[in-house]
All heavy atoms as atom14 arrays in JSON, in Angstrom:
{
  "sequence": "DDDERARMRREWAALLVEVRKHANVSGDMGDLVNRR",
  "atom14_mask": [
    [1, 1, 1, 1, 1, 1, 1, 1, 0, 0, 0, 0, 0, 0],
    [1, 1, 1, 1, 1, 1, 1, 1, 0, 0, 0, 0, 0, 0],
    [1, 1, 1, 1, 1, 1, 1, 1, 0, 0, 0, 0, 0, 0],
    [1, 1, 1, 1, 1, 1, 1, 1, 1, 0, 0, 0, 0, 0],
    [1, 1, 1, 1, 1, 1, 1, 1, 1, 1, 1, 0, 0, 0],
    [1, 1, 1, 1, 1, 0, 0, 0, 0, 0, 0, 0, 0, 0],
    [1, 1, 1, 1, 1, 1, 1, 1, 1, 1, 1, 0, 0, 0],
    [1, 1, 1, 1, 1, 1, 1, 1, 0, 0, 0, 0, 0, 0],
    [1, 1, 1, 1, 1, 1, 1, 1, 1, 1, 1, 0, 0, 0],
    [1, 1, 1, 1, 1, 1, 1, 1, 1, 1, 1, 0, 0, 0],
    [1, 1, 1, 1, 1, 1, 1, 1, 1, 0, 0, 0, 0, 0],
    [1, 1, 1, 1, 1, 1, 1, 1, 1, 1, 1, 1, 1, 1],
    [1, 1, 1, 1, 1, 0, 0, 0, 0, 0, 0, 0, 0, 0],
    [1, 1, 1, 1, 1, 0, 0, 0, 0, 0, 0, 0, 0, 0],
    [1, 1, 1, 1, 1, 1, 1, 1, 0, 0, 0, 0, 0, 0],
    [1, 1, 1, 1, 1, 1, 1, 1, 0, 0, 0, 0, 0, 0],
    [1, 1, 1, 1, 1, 1, 1, 0, 0, 0, 0, 0, 0, 0],
    [1, 1, 1, 1, 1, 1, 1, 1, 1, 0, 0, 0, 0, 0],
    [1, 1, 1, 1, 1, 1, 1, 0, 0, 0, 0, 0, 0, 0],
    [1, 1, 1, 1, 1, 1, 1, 1, 1, 1, 1, 0, 0, 0],
    [1, 1, 1, 1, 1, 1, 1, 1, 1, 0, 0, 0, 0, 0],
    [1, 1, 1, 1, 1, 1, 1, 1, 1, 1, 0, 0, 0, 0],
    [1, 1, 1, 1, 1, 0, 0, 0, 0, 0, 0, 0, 0, 0],
    [1, 1, 1, 1, 1, 1, 1, 1, 0, 0, 0, 0, 0, 0],
    [1, 1, 1, 1, 1, 1, 1, 0, 0, 0, 0, 0, 0, 0],
    [1, 1, 1, 1, 1, 1, 0, 0, 0, 0, 0, 0, 0, 0],
    [1, 1, 1, 1, 0, 0, 0, 0, 0, 0, 0, 0, 0, 0],
    [1, 1, 1, 1, 1, 1, 1, 1, 0, 0, 0, 0, 0, 0],
    [1, 1, 1, 1, 1, 1, 1, 1, 0, 0, 0, 0, 0, 0],
    [1, 1, 1, 1, 0, 0, 0, 0, 0, 0, 0, 0, 0, 0],
    [1, 1, 1, 1, 1, 1, 1, 1, 0, 0, 0, 0, 0, 0],
    [1, 1, 1, 1, 1, 1, 1, 1, 0, 0, 0, 0, 0, 0],
    [1, 1, 1, 1, 1, 1, 1, 0, 0, 0, 0, 0, 0, 0],
    [1, 1, 1, 1, 1, 1, 1, 1, 0, 0, 0, 0, 0, 0],
    [1, 1, 1, 1, 1, 1, 1, 1, 1, 1, 1, 0, 0, 0],
    [1, 1, 1, 1, 1, 1, 1, 1, 1, 1, 1, 0, 0, 0]
  ],
  "atom14_positions": [
    [[-9.88, 31.02, 7.1], [-8.84, 32.04, 7.01], [-7.51, 31.39, 6.66], [-7.39, 30.16, 6.64], [-8.73, 32.82, 8.32], [-8.51, 31.9, 9.51], [-7.52, 31.14, 9.5], [-9.32, 31.93, 10.45], [0.0, 0.0, 0.0], [0.0, 0.0, 0.0], [0.0, 0.0, 0.0], [0.0, 0.0, 0.0], [0.0, 0.0, 0.0], [0.0, 0.0, 0.0]],
    [[-6.51, 32.22, 6.4], [-5.22, 31.71, 5.94], [-4.53, 30.84, 6.99], [-3.92, 29.82, 6.66], [-4.31, 32.88, 5.55], [-4.81, 33.6, 4.31], [-5.62, 32.99, 3.57], [-4.4, 34.75, 4.08], [0.0, 0.0, 0.0], [0.0, 0.0, 0.0], [0.0, 0.0, 0.0], [0.0, 0.0, 0.0], [0.0, 0.0, 0.0], [0.0, 0.0, 0.0]],
    [[-4.6, 31.25, 8.27], [-3.94, 30.48, 9.33], [-4.57, 29.1, 9.46], [-3.87, 28.08, 9.58], [-4.03, 31.22, 10.66], [-3.14, 32.46, 10.68], [-2.22, 32.54, 9.84], [-3.38, 33.35, 11.52], [0.0, 0.0, 0.0], [0.0, 0.0, 0.0], [0.0, 0.0, 0.0], [0.0, 0.0, 0.0], [0.0, 0.0, 0.0], [0.0, 0.0, 0.0]],
    [[-5.89, 29.06, 9.45], [-6.58, 27.77, 9.57], [-6.31, 26.91, 8.35], [-6.1, 25.7, 8.46], [-8.08, 28.0, 9.73], [-8.86, 26.69, 9.93], [-10.35, 26.91, 9.97], [-10.79, 28.04, 9.69], [-11.07, 25.94, 10.28], [0.0, 0.0, 0.0], [0.0, 0.0, 0.0], [0.0, 0.0, 0.0], [0.0, 0.0, 0.0], [0.0, 0.0, 0.0]],
    [[-6.3, 27.54, 7.18], [-6.04, 26.79, 5.96], [-4.62, 26.2, 5.98], [-4.42, 25.05, 5.57], [-6.21, 27.69, 4.74], [-6.07, 26.95, 3.41], [-6.33, 27.88, 2.24], [-6.21, 27.17, 0.98], [-7.16, 26.44, 0.42], [-8.34, 26.33, 1.03], [-6.96, 25.82, -0.73], [0.0, 0.0, 0.0], [0.0, 0.0, 0.0], [0.0, 0.0, 0.0]],
    [[-3.66, 26.96, 6.48], [-2.29, 26.46, 6.56], [-2.2, 25.27, 7.51], [-1.51, 24.29, 7.25], [-1.35, 27.58, 7.01], [0.0, 0.0, 0.0], [0.0, 0.0, 0.0], [0.0, 0.0, 0.0], [0.0, 0.0, 0.0], [0.0, 0.0, 0.0], [0.0, 0.0, 0.0], [0.0, 0.0, 0.0], [0.0, 0.0, 0.0], [0.0, 0.0, 0.0]],
    [[-2.91, 25.36, 8.64], [-2.9, 24.26, 9.6], [-3.57, 23.02, 9.01], [-3.08, 21.9, 9.16], [-3.62, 24.69, 10.89], [-3.65, 23.63, 11.97], [-4.12, 24.23, 13.29], [-5.46, 24.79, 13.16], [-6.58, 24.06, 13.29], [-6.5, 22.76, 13.55], [-7.76, 24.63, 13.19], [0.0, 0.0, 0.0], [0.0, 0.0, 0.0], [0.0, 0.0, 0.0]],
    [[-4.71, 23.21, 8.33], [-5.4, 22.09, 7.7], [-4.56, 21.5, 6.58], [-4.59, 20.29, 6.35], [-6.74, 22.57, 7.15], [-7.78, 22.94, 8.19], [-8.3, 21.54, 9.22], [-7.29, 21.78, 10.69], [0.0, 0.0, 0.0], [0.0, 0.0, 0.0], [0.0, 0.0, 0.0], [0.0, 0.0, 0.0], [0.0, 0.0, 0.0], [0.0, 0.0, 0.0]],
    [[-3.8, 22.35, 5.89], [-2.95, 21.84, 4.8], [-1.84, 20.95, 5.34], [-1.5, 19.93, 4.74], [-2.35, 23.0, 4.01], [-1.52, 22.54, 2.82], [-1.03, 23.7, 1.98], [-0.27, 23.22, 0.83], [-0.79, 22.78, -0.29], [-2.11, 22.77, -0.44], [-0.04, 22.34, -1.29], [0.0, 0.0, 0.0], [0.0, 0.0, 0.0], [0.0, 0.0, 0.0]],
    [[-1.28, 21.31, 6.49], [-0.23, 20.48, 7.11], [-0.81, 19.12, 7.51], [-0.16, 18.09, 7.33], [0.37, 21.2, 8.32], [1.24, 22.39, 7.96], [2.05, 22.86, 9.16], [1.19, 23.37, 10.22], [0.81, 24.64, 10.32], [1.2, 25.53, 9.42], [0.05, 25.04, 11.33], [0.0, 0.0, 0.0], [0.0, 0.0, 0.0], [0.0, 0.0, 0.0]],
    [[-2.01, 19.14, 8.06], [-2.66, 17.88, 8.46], [-2.93, 17.01, 7.24], [-2.67, 15.8, 7.25], [-3.98, 18.19, 9.18], [-4.77, 16.96, 9.58], [-6.11, 17.32, 10.19], [-6.22, 18.41, 10.78], [-7.06, 16.51, 10.07], [0.0, 0.0, 0.0], [0.0, 0.0, 0.0], [0.0, 0.0, 0.0], [0.0, 0.0, 0.0], [0.0, 0.0, 0.0]],
    [[-3.44, 17.63, 6.17], [-3.74, 16.88, 4.95], [-2.46, 16.33, 4.32], [-2.42, 15.17, 3.88], [-4.46, 17.79, 3.96], [-4.53, 17.22, 2.57], [-5.31, 16.19, 2.14], [-3.75, 17.63, 1.45], [-5.08, 15.93, 0.82], [-4.13, 16.8, 0.36], [-2.8, 18.62, 1.25], [-3.56, 16.94, -0.9], [-2.23, 18.76, -0.02], [-2.62, 17.92, -1.07]],
    [[-1.4, 17.17, 4.28], [-0.15, 16.74, 3.65], [0.46, 15.54, 4.38], [0.98, 14.62, 3.76], [0.84, 17.9, 3.63], [0.0, 0.0, 0.0], [0.0, 0.0, 0.0], [0.0, 0.0, 0.0], [0.0, 0.0, 0.0], [0.0, 0.0, 0.0], [0.0, 0.0, 0.0], [0.0, 0.0, 0.0], [0.0, 0.0, 0.0], [0.0, 0.0, 0.0]],
    [[0.36, 15.53, 5.72], [0.9, 14.4, 6.49], [0.15, 13.11, 6.17], [0.75, 12.05, 6.01], [0.81, 14.71, 7.99], [0.0, 0.0, 0.0], [0.0, 0.0, 0.0], [0.0, 0.0, 0.0], [0.0, 0.0, 0.0], [0.0, 0.0, 0.0], [0.0, 0.0, 0.0], [0.0, 0.0, 0.0], [0.0, 0.0, 0.0], [0.0, 0.0, 0.0]],
    [[-1.17, 13.21, 6.04], [-1.96, 12.03, 5.71], [-1.69, 11.58, 4.28], [-1.64, 10.37, 3.99], [-3.45, 12.33, 5.89], [-3.93, 12.4, 7.34], [-5.33, 12.99, 7.42], [-3.91, 11.01, 7.98], [0.0, 0.0, 0.0], [0.0, 0.0, 0.0], [0.0, 0.0, 0.0], [0.0, 0.0, 0.0], [0.0, 0.0, 0.0], [0.0, 0.0, 0.0]],
    [[-1.5, 12.53, 3.38], [-1.21, 12.18, 2.0], [0.1, 11.42, 1.88], [0.22, 10.46, 1.1], [-1.17, 13.44, 1.14], [-0.96, 13.24, -0.36], [-2.1, 12.41, -0.94], [-0.86, 14.57, -1.08], [0.0, 0.0, 0.0], [0.0, 0.0, 0.0], [0.0, 0.0, 0.0], [0.0, 0.0, 0.0], [0.0, 0.0, 0.0], [0.0, 0.0, 0.0]],
    [[1.09, 11.8, 2.66], [2.37, 11.08, 2.67], [2.16, 9.63, 3.1], [2.72, 8.7, 2.51], [3.38, 11.79, 3.61], [4.6, 10.9, 3.84], [3.8, 13.12, 3.03], [0.0, 0.0, 0.0], [0.0, 0.0, 0.0], [0.0, 0.0, 0.0], [0.0, 0.0, 0.0], [0.0, 0.0, 0.0], [0.0, 0.0, 0.0], [0.0, 0.0, 0.0]],
    [[1.34, 9.42, 4.13], [1.07, 8.06, 4.6], [0.35, 7.25, 3.54], [0.65, 6.06, 3.34], [0.24, 8.12, 5.89], [0.99, 8.67, 7.09], [2.2, 7.81, 7.43], [2.06, 6.58, 7.48], [3.29, 8.37, 7.64], [0.0, 0.0, 0.0], [0.0, 0.0, 0.0], [0.0, 0.0, 0.0], [0.0, 0.0, 0.0], [0.0, 0.0, 0.0]],
    [[-0.62, 7.87, 2.86], [-1.36, 7.15, 1.81], [-0.41, 6.72, 0.7], [-0.44, 5.57, 0.25], [-2.47, 8.05, 1.23], [-3.08, 7.42, -0.02], [-3.57, 8.26, 2.27], [0.0, 0.0, 0.0], [0.0, 0.0, 0.0], [0.0, 0.0, 0.0], [0.0, 0.0, 0.0], [0.0, 0.0, 0.0], [0.0, 0.0, 0.0], [0.0, 0.0, 0.0]],
    [[0.45, 7.64, 0.26], [1.39, 7.3, -0.81], [2.36, 6.22, -0.38], [2.69, 5.31, -1.15], [2.16, 8.56, -1.22], [1.33, 9.56, -2.02], [2.11, 10.83, -2.29], [1.38, 11.73, -3.17], [1.76, 12.97, -3.44], [2.87, 13.45, -2.89], [1.05, 13.72, -4.25], [0.0, 0.0, 0.0], [0.0, 0.0, 0.0], [0.0, 0.0, 0.0]],
    [[2.83, 6.29, 0.87], [3.79, 5.31, 1.37], [3.18, 3.91, 1.37], [3.8, 2.95, 0.92], [4.26, 5.7, 2.77], [5.27, 4.72, 3.37], [5.85, 5.28, 4.66], [4.79, 5.42, 5.74], [5.37, 5.89, 7.02], [0.0, 0.0, 0.0], [0.0, 0.0, 0.0], [0.0, 0.0, 0.0], [0.0, 0.0, 0.0], [0.0, 0.0, 0.0]],
    [[1.97, 3.8, 1.89], [1.34, 2.48, 1.97], [0.88, 1.99, 0.6], [0.87, 0.8, 0.34], [0.17, 2.53, 2.95], [0.6, 2.63, 4.38], [0.97, 3.83, 4.96], [0.76, 1.69, 5.34], [1.31, 3.62, 6.21], [1.21, 2.34, 6.47], [0.0, 0.0, 0.0], [0.0, 0.0, 0.0], [0.0, 0.0, 0.0], [0.0, 0.0, 0.0]],
    [[0.51, 2.91, -0.29], [0.14, 2.5, -1.64], [1.36, 1.95, -2.37], [1.25, 0.98, -3.12], [-0.45, 3.68, -2.4], [0.0, 0.0, 0.0], [0.0, 0.0, 0.0], [0.0, 0.0, 0.0], [0.0, 0.0, 0.0], [0.0, 0.0, 0.0], [0.0, 0.0, 0.0], [0.0, 0.0, 0.0], [0.0, 0.0, 0.0], [0.0, 0.0, 0.0]],
    [[2.54, 2.54, -2.16], [3.76, 2.04, -2.79], [4.13, 0.66, -2.27], [4.61, -0.19, -3.02], [4.92, 3.01, -2.53], [4.78, 4.3, -3.31], [4.1, 4.33, -4.33], [5.39, 5.36, -2.82], [0.0, 0.0, 0.0], [0.0, 0.0, 0.0], [0.0, 0.0, 0.0], [0.0, 0.0, 0.0], [0.0, 0.0, 0.0], [0.0, 0.0, 0.0]],
    [[3.9, 0.42, -0.98], [4.21, -0.88, -0.39], [3.33, -1.97, -0.99], [3.77, -3.08, -1.27], [4.03, -0.84, 1.14], [4.08, -2.25, 1.73], [5.11, 0.03, 1.75], [0.0, 0.0, 0.0], [0.0, 0.0, 0.0], [0.0, 0.0, 0.0], [0.0, 0.0, 0.0], [0.0, 0.0, 0.0], [0.0, 0.0, 0.0], [0.0, 0.0, 0.0]],
    [[2.05, -1.64, -1.22], [1.1, -2.65, -1.66], [0.87, -2.64, -3.15], [-0.01, -3.33, -3.64], [-0.24, -2.42, -0.95], [-0.74, -1.13, -1.24], [0.0, 0.0, 0.0], [0.0, 0.0, 0.0], [0.0, 0.0, 0.0], [0.0, 0.0, 0.0], [0.0, 0.0, 0.0], [0.0, 0.0, 0.0], [0.0, 0.0, 0.0], [0.0, 0.0, 0.0]],
    [[1.64, -1.87, -3.92], [1.44, -1.82, -5.36], [0.15, -1.12, -5.7], [-0.16, -0.06, -5.18], [0.0, 0.0, 0.0], [0.0, 0.0, 0.0], [0.0, 0.0, 0.0], [0.0, 0.0, 0.0], [0.0, 0.0, 0.0], [0.0, 0.0, 0.0], [0.0, 0.0, 0.0], [0.0, 0.0, 0.0], [0.0, 0.0, 0.0], [0.0, 0.0, 0.0]],
    [[-0.64, -1.72, -6.59], [-1.89, -1.09, -7.0], [-3.03, -1.47, -6.08], [-4.19, -1.24, -6.4], [-2.23, -1.48, -8.45], [-2.45, -2.99, -8.6], [-2.31, -3.72, -7.6], [-2.74, -3.44, -9.72], [0.0, 0.0, 0.0], [0.0, 0.0, 0.0], [0.0, 0.0, 0.0], [0.0, 0.0, 0.0], [0.0, 0.0, 0.0], [0.0, 0.0, 0.0]],
    [[-2.74, -2.06, -4.95], [-3.71, -2.5, -3.94], [-4.45, -3.76, -4.4], [-4.49, -4.74, -3.72], [-4.68, -1.37, -3.58], [-3.99, -0.21, -2.89], [-3.07, -0.77, -1.45], [-4.41, -1.36, -0.43], [0.0, 0.0, 0.0], [0.0, 0.0, 0.0], [0.0, 0.0, 0.0], [0.0, 0.0, 0.0], [0.0, 0.0, 0.0], [0.0, 0.0, 0.0]],
    [[-5.12, -3.7, -5.54], [-5.79, -4.88, -6.07], [-6.63, -5.58, -5.03], [-7.18, -4.98, -4.13], [0.0, 0.0, 0.0], [0.0, 0.0, 0.0], [0.0, 0.0, 0.0], [0.0, 0.0, 0.0], [0.0, 0.0, 0.0], [0.0, 0.0, 0.0], [0.0, 0.0, 0.0], [0.0, 0.0, 0.0], [0.0, 0.0, 0.0], [0.0, 0.0, 0.0]],
    [[-6.77, -6.9, -5.15], [-7.47, -7.71, -4.18], [-6.44, -8.45, -3.35], [-5.94, -9.5, -3.76], [-8.42, -8.71, -4.87], [-9.54, -8.01, -5.6], [-9.97, -6.96, -5.09], [-9.97, -8.49, -6.66], [0.0, 0.0, 0.0], [0.0, 0.0, 0.0], [0.0, 0.0, 0.0], [0.0, 0.0, 0.0], [0.0, 0.0, 0.0], [0.0, 0.0, 0.0]],
    [[-6.11, -7.91, -2.2], [-5.11, -8.54, -1.35], [-5.7, -9.76, -0.68], [-6.89, -9.82, -0.38], [-4.62, -7.54, -0.3], [-3.97, -6.28, -0.85], [-3.49, -5.41, 0.31], [-2.79, -6.62, -1.75], [0.0, 0.0, 0.0], [0.0, 0.0, 0.0], [0.0, 0.0, 0.0], [0.0, 0.0, 0.0], [0.0, 0.0, 0.0], [0.0, 0.0, 0.0]],
    [[-4.86, -10.77, -0.42], [-5.33, -11.99, 0.23], [-4.55, -12.2, 1.51], [-3.43, -11.71, 1.67], [-5.18, -13.22, -0.69], [-6.09, -13.1, -1.88], [-3.74, -13.38, -1.15], [0.0, 0.0, 0.0], [0.0, 0.0, 0.0], [0.0, 0.0, 0.0], [0.0, 0.0, 0.0], [0.0, 0.0, 0.0], [0.0, 0.0, 0.0], [0.0, 0.0, 0.0]],
    [[-5.14, -12.94, 2.4], [-4.52, -13.22, 3.68], [-3.32, -14.16, 3.48], [-3.37, -15.11, 2.7], [-5.56, -13.88, 4.6], [-5.02, -14.09, 5.99], [-4.29, -15.03, 6.24], [-5.38, -13.21, 6.9], [0.0, 0.0, 0.0], [0.0, 0.0, 0.0], [0.0, 0.0, 0.0], [0.0, 0.0, 0.0], [0.0, 0.0, 0.0], [0.0, 0.0, 0.0]],
    [[-2.25, -13.88, 4.22], [-1.04, -14.69, 4.08], [-1.31, -16.15, 4.42], [-0.79, -17.05, 3.76], [0.05, -14.12, 4.99], [1.33, -14.95, 4.98], [2.4, -14.32, 5.85], [3.58, -15.16, 5.93], [4.69, -14.83, 6.58], [4.76, -13.68, 7.22], [5.72, -15.64, 6.61], [0.0, 0.0, 0.0], [0.0, 0.0, 0.0], [0.0, 0.0, 0.0]],
    [[-2.11, -16.4, 5.45], [-2.41, -17.78, 5.83], [-3.13, -18.51, 4.72], [-2.91, -19.7, 4.49], [-3.25, -17.79, 7.11], [-2.49, -17.32, 8.35], [-3.36, -17.39, 9.58], [-2.64, -16.93, 10.77], [-3.19, -16.87, 11.98], [-4.46, -17.21, 12.16], [-2.47, -16.44, 13.01], [0.0, 0.0, 0.0], [0.0, 0.0, 0.0], [0.0, 0.0, 0.0]]
  ]
}
């Protein structure tokens, strides 16, 4: 229903923001290596 869809959309949007934020930090992700 619309209410459930709106709630699920808020949850999805919050996770999408986190994905974009961390993707921007790491560039294209590629093959990351350990700092050590």
